[in-house]
Amino acid sequence: MPELSLLLLAAPAILFAGIAKGGFANGPTFAATPLLALVLPPAEAVALMLPMLMVMDVTALRAWWRHWDMGLARAMVIGALPGIALGALLFGILPAAPVKGAIGALALIFVAYQTARALRWIEVPQVGRSSAPLWGGILGFSSFVTHAGGPPAAIYLLSRGLDKRTFQSTSVVIFAVVNAIKFVVYLGLGLFTAETTVSVVLLAPVAIVGTLIGVWAHAHISERAFFLFAHVMLALAGAKLLHTALTGG
């Protein structure tokens, strides 16, 4: 039976992750894993978070069904496959800190770049549509190792000029497929335990409620405010990842 301290800490973390997943294109969902790592070994924290993310995926898919750009989603998922394979090969060997630091730095650079473009300080072409496999590969690797696939996905999707519904829906379907693939690999690596199963059953309602809150919030926020929030969340996620990498905290 999971300890009460784990459940008390995990519940708000998963609620927050569900809100980000349901309404804000994943946002800083990665933050839930470090919180779980406060009371669990890192591998167990990663293993517990994946089924919770999948519960959120199923809930979000129903809300955002068929509003996605399937061409973008397919390209990123295909790109994610070698990234997932590399993550599986290096899982437990490669320190997570350098991965977090690199993803965090990329996220901050992208936000600075987008801000400079919006203020007309620079005129530089956006990330090309053909780069989807590249960003998908980064997404697959970082998602497999640390569940930090949100920033690379946001970097690519925010550059495509999608409306907020398509942006959100495309993100949802990408991670639903990526997480399902990761689940099979995690299972093969023997990362799941009986205690993981019990924790998932107990915490699944929290994940569902959080995701539904996110869906509701998305519908009540203007498109301009949504993308401003998405960029702010990307910057915060990048800063947190970089800080974690540099300090080990």
Protein backbone atom coordinates (compact mmCIF):
# COMPACT_ATOMS: atom_id res chain seq x y z
CA MET A 1 0.00 0.00 0.00
CA PRO A 2 1.46 3.44 -0.94
CA GLU A 3 2.49 5.66 1.96
CA LEU A 4 0.14 8.50 2.90
CA SER A 5 2.96 11.04 2.37
CA LEU A 6 3.29 9.93 -1.24
CA LEU A 7 -0.43 10.29 -1.91
CA LEU A 8 -0.63 13.70 -0.21
CA LEU A 9 2.28 15.04 -2.25
CA ALA A 10 1.30 13.37 -5.49
CA ALA A 11 -2.34 14.53 -5.51
CA PRO A 12 -1.71 18.29 -5.98
CA ALA A 13 1.16 17.61 -8.39
CA ILE A 14 -1.05 15.38 -10.54
CA LEU A 15 -3.97 17.82 -10.33
CA PHE A 16 -1.73 20.60 -11.65
CA ALA A 17 -0.33 18.34 -14.38
CA GLY A 18 -3.88 17.40 -15.41
CA ILE A 19 -4.89 21.05 -15.75
CA ALA A 20 -1.84 21.69 -17.95
CA LYS A 21 -2.55 18.56 -20.00
CA GLY A 22 -6.26 19.29 -20.45
CA GLY A 23 -6.12 22.95 -21.39
CA PHE A 24 -2.61 24.23 -21.93
CA ALA A 25 -0.86 21.80 -24.27
CA ASN A 26 0.96 19.94 -21.49
CA GLY A 27 2.58 23.10 -20.14
CA PRO A 28 4.81 22.27 -17.16
CA THR A 29 3.44 18.75 -16.62
CA PHE A 30 7.05 17.62 -16.16
CA ALA A 31 7.05 19.40 -12.78
CA ALA A 32 5.00 16.58 -11.26
CA THR A 33 7.83 14.07 -11.68
CA PRO A 34 10.41 16.00 -9.60
CA LEU A 35 7.80 16.42 -6.87
CA LEU A 36 7.21 12.68 -6.80
CA ALA A 37 10.97 12.15 -6.72
CA LEU A 38 11.00 13.86 -3.32
CA VAL A 39 9.46 10.71 -1.82
CA LEU A 40 10.35 8.08 -4.45
CA PRO A 41 13.53 6.97 -6.22
CA PRO A 42 13.72 8.74 -9.63
CA ALA A 43 12.95 5.61 -11.67
CA GLU A 44 9.87 4.88 -9.55
CA ALA A 45 8.71 8.49 -9.85
CA VAL A 46 9.00 8.32 -13.63
CA ALA A 47 7.19 4.96 -13.69
CA LEU A 48 4.31 6.22 -11.53
CA MET A 49 3.85 9.39 -13.56
CA LEU A 50 3.50 7.65 -16.93
CA PRO A 51 0.18 5.85 -16.19
CA MET A 52 -1.14 9.10 -14.68
CA LEU A 53 -0.25 10.93 -17.90
CA MET A 54 -2.03 8.22 -19.87
CA VAL A 55 -5.19 8.67 -17.79
CA MET A 56 -4.99 12.39 -18.60
CA ASP A 57 -4.43 11.57 -22.28
CA VAL A 58 -7.58 9.46 -22.50
CA THR A 59 -9.63 12.15 -20.76
CA ALA A 60 -8.21 14.92 -22.95
CA LEU A 61 -8.61 12.96 -26.21
CA ARG A 62 -12.35 12.77 -25.69
CA ALA A 63 -12.54 16.55 -25.25
CA TRP A 64 -10.29 17.42 -28.21
CA TRP A 65 -11.23 14.61 -30.60
CA ARG A 66 -10.43 15.30 -34.27
CA HIS A 67 -9.55 18.98 -33.85
CA TRP A 68 -5.86 18.25 -34.38
CA ASP A 69 -3.54 18.76 -37.34
CA MET A 70 -2.89 15.11 -38.10
CA GLY A 71 -0.06 15.87 -40.51
CA LEU A 72 1.94 17.69 -37.83
CA ALA A 73 1.08 15.07 -35.22
CA ARG A 74 2.11 12.17 -37.48
CA ALA A 75 5.43 13.81 -38.38
CA MET A 76 6.30 14.47 -34.74
CA VAL A 77 5.33 10.98 -33.59
CA ILE A 78 7.44 9.41 -36.33
CA GLY A 79 10.31 11.64 -35.27
CA ALA A 80 9.77 10.66 -31.63
CA LEU A 81 10.36 6.94 -32.31
CA PRO A 82 14.17 7.08 -32.58
CA GLY A 83 14.22 9.46 -29.62
CA ILE A 84 12.28 6.96 -27.52
CA ALA A 85 14.58 4.15 -28.66
CA LEU A 86 17.65 6.18 -27.68
CA GLY A 87 16.05 7.00 -24.33
CA ALA A 88 15.42 3.30 -23.69
CA LEU A 89 19.03 2.43 -24.50
CA LEU A 90 20.41 5.12 -22.20
CA PHE A 91 17.79 4.92 -19.44
CA GLY A 92 19.50 4.48 -16.09
CA ILE A 93 22.89 5.29 -17.64
CA LEU A 94 22.69 8.87 -18.86
CA PRO A 95 22.30 11.44 -16.06
CA ALA A 96 19.00 13.30 -16.33
CA ALA A 97 20.58 16.68 -15.50
CA PRO A 98 22.25 17.32 -18.90
CA VAL A 99 19.03 16.40 -20.71
CA LYS A 100 16.98 18.74 -18.55
CA GLY A 101 19.51 21.51 -18.97
CA ALA A 102 19.60 21.26 -22.75
CA ILE A 103 15.80 21.20 -23.07
CA GLY A 104 15.47 24.10 -20.63
CA ALA A 105 18.01 26.19 -22.54
CA LEU A 106 16.26 25.51 -25.86
CA ALA A 107 12.91 26.52 -24.37
CA LEU A 108 14.27 29.82 -23.03
CA ILE A 109 16.02 30.63 -26.31
CA PHE A 110 12.80 29.96 -28.21
CA VAL A 111 10.71 32.20 -25.94
CA ALA A 112 13.30 34.98 -26.26
CA TYR A 113 13.25 34.53 -30.03
CA GLN A 114 9.44 34.63 -30.24
CA THR A 115 9.33 37.70 -27.98
CA ALA A 116 11.89 39.51 -30.14
CA ARG A 117 9.87 38.67 -33.26
CA ALA A 118 6.64 39.92 -31.68
CA LEU A 119 8.32 43.21 -30.74
CA ARG A 120 9.73 43.46 -34.29
CA TRP A 121 13.30 43.52 -32.98
CA ILE A 122 14.29 40.80 -35.43
CA GLU A 123 12.94 39.34 -38.67
CA VAL A 124 13.95 35.70 -38.89
CA PRO A 125 12.06 32.81 -40.57
CA GLN A 126 10.14 30.58 -38.18
CA VAL A 127 10.93 26.95 -37.47
CA GLY A 128 10.17 25.11 -40.71
CA ARG A 129 7.41 22.52 -40.97
CA SER A 130 9.98 20.03 -42.27
CA SER A 131 11.80 20.15 -38.92
CA ALA A 132 8.99 18.18 -37.22
CA PRO A 133 11.02 14.93 -37.13
CA LEU A 134 13.92 16.74 -35.44
CA TRP A 135 11.75 18.25 -32.72
CA GLY A 136 9.86 14.97 -32.49
CA GLY A 137 13.14 13.18 -31.80
CA ILE A 138 14.02 15.62 -29.02
CA LEU A 139 10.49 15.25 -27.67
CA GLY A 140 10.68 11.44 -27.69
CA PHE A 141 14.04 11.31 -25.93
CA SER A 142 13.33 13.93 -23.25
CA SER A 143 9.84 12.56 -22.67
CA PHE A 144 11.13 9.03 -22.19
CA VAL A 145 13.90 10.00 -19.78
CA THR A 146 12.25 12.76 -17.71
CA HIS A 147 8.66 13.28 -19.00
CA ALA A 148 9.92 16.68 -20.21
CA GLY A 149 8.61 16.44 -23.77
CA GLY A 150 6.36 19.48 -23.40
CA PRO A 151 8.95 22.19 -24.18
CA PRO A 152 10.25 20.71 -27.47
CA ALA A 153 6.67 20.02 -28.59
CA ALA A 154 5.68 23.58 -27.74
CA ILE A 155 8.72 25.03 -29.52
CA TYR A 156 7.62 23.37 -32.76
CA LEU A 157 3.85 23.77 -32.47
CA LEU A 158 3.97 27.40 -31.34
CA SER A 159 5.96 28.18 -34.48
CA ARG A 160 3.27 26.82 -36.79
CA GLY A 161 0.71 29.60 -36.32
CA LEU A 162 -2.07 27.24 -35.23
CA ASP A 163 -5.24 28.48 -33.58
CA LYS A 164 -5.46 27.58 -29.90
CA ARG A 165 -7.88 24.65 -30.38
CA THR A 166 -5.73 23.02 -33.06
CA PHE A 167 -2.58 23.70 -31.04
CA GLN A 168 -4.06 22.07 -27.94
CA SER A 169 -5.60 19.14 -29.81
CA THR A 170 -2.44 18.37 -31.77
CA SER A 171 -0.39 18.36 -28.58
CA VAL A 172 -2.89 16.02 -26.92
CA VAL A 173 -2.83 13.43 -29.71
CA ILE A 174 0.98 13.54 -30.02
CA PHE A 175 1.50 12.76 -26.35
CA ALA A 176 -1.28 10.18 -26.25
CA VAL A 177 0.58 8.14 -28.87
CA VAL A 178 4.06 8.82 -27.45
CA ASN A 179 3.00 7.87 -23.92
CA ALA A 180 1.35 4.66 -25.15
CA ILE A 181 4.61 3.66 -26.86
CA LYS A 182 6.60 4.58 -23.76
CA PHE A 183 4.30 2.40 -21.64
CA VAL A 184 5.19 -0.70 -23.65
CA VAL A 185 8.90 0.04 -23.30
CA TYR A 186 8.62 0.82 -19.57
CA LEU A 187 6.79 -2.46 -19.15
CA GLY A 188 9.62 -4.28 -20.92
CA LEU A 189 12.14 -2.57 -18.64
CA GLY A 190 10.24 -3.82 -15.58
CA LEU A 191 9.65 -0.34 -14.15
CA PHE A 192 6.12 -0.99 -12.89
CA THR A 193 5.37 -2.59 -9.52
CA ALA A 194 2.28 -3.68 -7.62
CA GLU A 195 2.55 -0.50 -5.55
CA THR A 196 2.59 1.55 -8.74
CA THR A 197 -0.69 -0.05 -9.77
CA VAL A 198 -2.35 0.74 -6.43
CA SER A 199 -1.12 4.35 -6.53
CA VAL A 200 -2.46 4.78 -10.06
CA VAL A 201 -5.90 3.49 -9.06
CA LEU A 202 -6.03 5.83 -6.06
CA LEU A 203 -4.77 8.88 -7.94
CA ALA A 204 -6.58 8.38 -11.29
CA PRO A 205 -9.65 10.42 -10.19
CA VAL A 206 -7.36 13.36 -9.40
CA ALA A 207 -5.83 13.13 -12.89
CA ILE A 208 -9.29 13.08 -14.50
CA VAL A 209 -10.58 16.04 -12.48
CA GLY A 210 -7.45 18.07 -13.24
CA THR A 211 -7.73 17.39 -16.97
CA LEU A 212 -11.40 18.39 -17.04
CA ILE A 213 -10.58 21.61 -15.20
CA GLY A 214 -7.98 22.32 -17.88
CA VAL A 215 -10.49 21.70 -20.67
CA TRP A 216 -12.93 24.11 -19.00
CA ALA A 217 -10.23 26.76 -18.52
CA HIS A 218 -9.20 26.52 -22.17
CA ALA A 219 -12.73 27.34 -23.29
CA HIS A 220 -12.89 30.43 -21.09
CA ILE A 221 -9.57 32.03 -22.08
CA SER A 222 -9.11 34.17 -25.21
CA GLU A 223 -6.75 33.02 -27.94
CA ARG A 224 -4.31 35.87 -27.28
CA ALA A 225 -4.28 35.16 -23.55
CA PHE A 226 -3.90 31.44 -24.22
CA PHE A 227 -0.74 31.85 -26.29
CA LEU A 228 0.67 34.42 -23.88
CA PHE A 229 0.10 31.89 -21.10
CA ALA A 230 1.62 29.11 -23.23
CA HIS A 231 4.78 31.15 -23.75
CA VAL A 232 4.99 32.06 -20.07
CA MET A 233 4.58 28.42 -19.08
CA LEU A 234 7.21 27.39 -21.62
CA ALA A 235 9.61 29.96 -20.15
CA LEU A 236 8.91 28.80 -16.59
CA ALA A 237 9.32 25.17 -17.62
CA GLY A 238 12.60 25.96 -19.35
CA ALA A 239 13.89 27.95 -16.38
CA LYS A 240 12.98 25.17 -13.95
CA LEU A 241 14.65 22.50 -16.10
CA LEU A 242 17.79 24.59 -16.44
CA HIS A 243 17.86 25.40 -12.73
CA THR A 244 17.41 21.73 -11.85
CA ALA A 245 20.24 20.76 -14.18
CA LEU A 246 22.62 23.38 -12.79
CA THR A 247 21.85 22.90 -9.11
CA GLY A 248 20.81 19.26 -8.94
CA GLY A 249 17.72 20.41 -7.02
